[in-house]
C-alpha atoms as a PDB file:
ATOM      1  CA  UNK A   1     -83.849  64.158 -22.394  1.00  0.00           C
ATOM      2  CA  UNK A   2     -81.359  64.239 -19.611  1.00  0.00           C
ATOM      3  CA  UNK A   3     -78.836  67.096 -20.141  1.00  0.00           C
ATOM      4  CA  UNK A   4     -76.801  68.245 -17.225  1.00  0.00           C
ATOM      5  CA  UNK A   5     -74.587  71.375 -17.334  1.00  0.00           C
ATOM      6  CA  UNK A   6     -71.705  71.512 -14.649  1.00  0.00           C
ATOM      7  CA  UNK A   7     -71.097  74.941 -13.975  1.00  0.00           C
ATOM      8  CA  UNK A   8     -69.374  77.462 -11.526  1.00  0.00           C
ATOM      9  CA  UNK A   9     -71.317  80.615 -10.424  1.00  0.00           C
ATOM     10  CA  UNK A  10     -69.821  83.688 -12.049  1.00  0.00           C
ATOM     11  CA  UNK A  11     -67.981  81.661 -14.805  1.00  0.00           C
ATOM     12  CA  UNK A  12     -68.584  83.636 -18.069  1.00  0.00           C
ATOM     13  CA  UNK A  13     -68.226  80.271 -20.182  1.00  0.00           C
ATOM     14  CA  UNK A  14     -70.802  78.684 -18.033  1.00  0.00           C
ATOM     15  CA  UNK A  15     -73.251  81.476 -18.272  1.00  0.00           C
ATOM     16  CA  UNK A  16     -72.732  81.596 -22.151  1.00  0.00           C
ATOM     17  CA  UNK A  17     -73.637  77.900 -22.337  1.00  0.00           C
ATOM     18  CA  UNK A  18     -76.546  78.277 -20.202  1.00  0.00           C
ATOM     19  CA  UNK A  19     -77.839  81.260 -22.285  1.00  0.00           C
ATOM     20  CA  UNK A  20     -77.548  79.059 -25.261  1.00  0.00           C
ATOM     21  CA  UNK A  21     -79.353  76.120 -23.778  1.00  0.00           C
ATOM     22  CA  UNK A  22     -82.200  78.495 -22.679  1.00  0.00           C
ATOM     23  CA  UNK A  23     -82.404  80.319 -26.010  1.00  0.00           C
ATOM     24  CA  UNK A  24     -82.988  76.963 -27.763  1.00  0.00           C
ATOM     25  CA  UNK A  25     -85.528  75.668 -25.054  1.00  0.00           C
ATOM     26  CA  UNK A  26     -83.234  72.758 -24.112  1.00  0.00           C
ATOM     27  CA  UNK A  27     -84.453  71.245 -20.910  1.00  0.00           C
ATOM     28  CA  UNK A  28     -81.425  70.944 -18.500  1.00  0.00           C
ATOM     29  CA  UNK A  29     -80.340  70.613 -14.926  1.00  0.00           C
ATOM     30  CA  UNK A  30     -77.651  72.626 -13.510  1.00  0.00           C
ATOM     31  CA  UNK A  31     -75.137  70.949 -11.092  1.00  0.00           C
ATOM     32  CA  UNK A  32     -73.180  73.833  -9.378  1.00  0.00           C
ATOM     33  CA  UNK A  33     -69.751  72.889  -8.498  1.00  0.00           C
ATOM     34  CA  UNK A  34     -67.560  74.510  -5.789  1.00  0.00           C
ATOM     35  CA  UNK A  35     -64.951  77.152  -6.578  1.00  0.00           C
ATOM     36  CA  UNK A  36     -61.898  75.340  -5.279  1.00  0.00           C
ATOM     37  CA  UNK A  37     -60.578  73.461  -8.463  1.00  0.00           C
ATOM     38  CA  UNK A  38     -59.236  70.694  -6.346  1.00  0.00           C
ATOM     39  CA  UNK A  39     -62.763  69.857  -5.017  1.00  0.00           C
ATOM     40  CA  UNK A  40     -64.482  69.429  -8.153  1.00  0.00           C
ATOM     41  CA  UNK A  41     -64.552  65.696  -8.035  1.00  0.00           C
ATOM     42  CA  UNK A  42     -67.838  65.229  -9.508  1.00  0.00           C
ATOM     43  CA  UNK A  43     -66.780  67.005 -12.683  1.00  0.00           C
ATOM     44  CA  UNK A  44     -63.750  64.938 -12.810  1.00  0.00           C
ATOM     45  CA  UNK A  45     -65.809  61.799 -12.656  1.00  0.00           C
ATOM     46  CA  UNK A  46     -67.953  62.770 -15.487  1.00  0.00           C
ATOM     47  CA  UNK A  47     -65.270  64.351 -17.737  1.00  0.00           C
ATOM     48  CA  UNK A  48     -61.929  63.206 -16.437  1.00  0.00           C
ATOM     49  CA  UNK A  49     -60.927  66.896 -15.843  1.00  0.00           C
ATOM     50  CA  UNK A  50     -61.971  69.530 -13.270  1.00  0.00           C
ATOM     51  CA  UNK A  51     -62.666  72.532 -15.584  1.00  0.00           C
ATOM     52  CA  UNK A  52     -66.154  73.945 -16.245  1.00  0.00           C
ATOM     53  CA  UNK A  53     -68.484  74.172 -18.041  1.00  0.00           C
ATOM     54  CA  UNK A  54     -69.166  70.522 -18.782  1.00  0.00           C
ATOM     55  CA  UNK A  55     -72.236  69.341 -20.625  1.00  0.00           C
ATOM     56  CA  UNK A  56     -73.472  65.765 -20.317  1.00  0.00           C
ATOM     57  CA  UNK A  57     -76.136  64.293 -22.433  1.00  0.00           C
ATOM     58  CA  UNK A  58     -77.143  61.003 -21.052  1.00  0.00           C
ATOM     59  CA  UNK A  59     -79.427  60.096 -24.007  1.00  0.00           C
ATOM     60  CA  UNK A  60     -76.658  60.307 -26.568  1.00  0.00           C
ATOM     61  CA  UNK A  61     -73.785  59.425 -24.167  1.00  0.00           C
ATOM     62  CA  UNK A  62     -72.090  62.594 -24.919  1.00  0.00           C
ATOM     63  CA  UNK A  63     -69.922  64.485 -22.402  1.00  0.00           C
ATOM     64  CA  UNK A  64     -68.248  67.840 -23.665  1.00  0.00           C
ATOM     65  CA  UNK A  65     -65.993  70.297 -22.006  1.00  0.00           C
ATOM     66  CA  UNK A  66     -65.081  72.888 -24.504  1.00  0.00           C
ATOM     67  CA  UNK A  67     -67.507  75.871 -24.421  1.00  0.00           C
ATOM     68  CA  UNK A  68     -67.442  76.596 -28.220  1.00  0.00           C
ATOM     69  CA  UNK A  69     -67.997  72.946 -28.958  1.00  0.00           C
ATOM     70  CA  UNK A  70     -70.720  72.803 -26.421  1.00  0.00           C
ATOM     71  CA  UNK A  71     -72.409  75.662 -28.183  1.00  0.00           C
ATOM     72  CA  UNK A  72     -72.151  74.190 -31.283  1.00  0.00           C
ATOM     73  CA  UNK A  73     -73.571  70.802 -30.272  1.00  0.00           C
ATOM     74  CA  UNK A  74     -76.506  72.488 -28.548  1.00  0.00           C
ATOM     75  CA  UNK A  75     -77.291  74.458 -31.679  1.00  0.00           C
ATOM     76  CA  UNK A  76     -76.824  71.645 -34.081  1.00  0.00           C
ATOM     77  CA  UNK A  77     -77.850  68.574 -32.102  1.00  0.00           C
ATOM     78  CA  UNK A  78     -80.255  69.637 -29.188  1.00  0.00           C
ATOM     79  CA  UNK A  79     -82.022  72.696 -30.828  1.00  0.00           C
END
């Protein structure tokens, strides 16, 4: 399973998603992005936006960018 979380250090929503992933023992990698919004090109390439958090699940070809939906996805699909 290849799950990647694109996150920004100090971002409350990113921390919440990370905690949910860990609580459900989901293996994932964190790709830390830079704070300046305009430099988050890697996030834009993945999700067509620059906001974080973004969850990418390669195995299911899923990319999600809304924290509540990411949490729901983790709890219902990945847990």
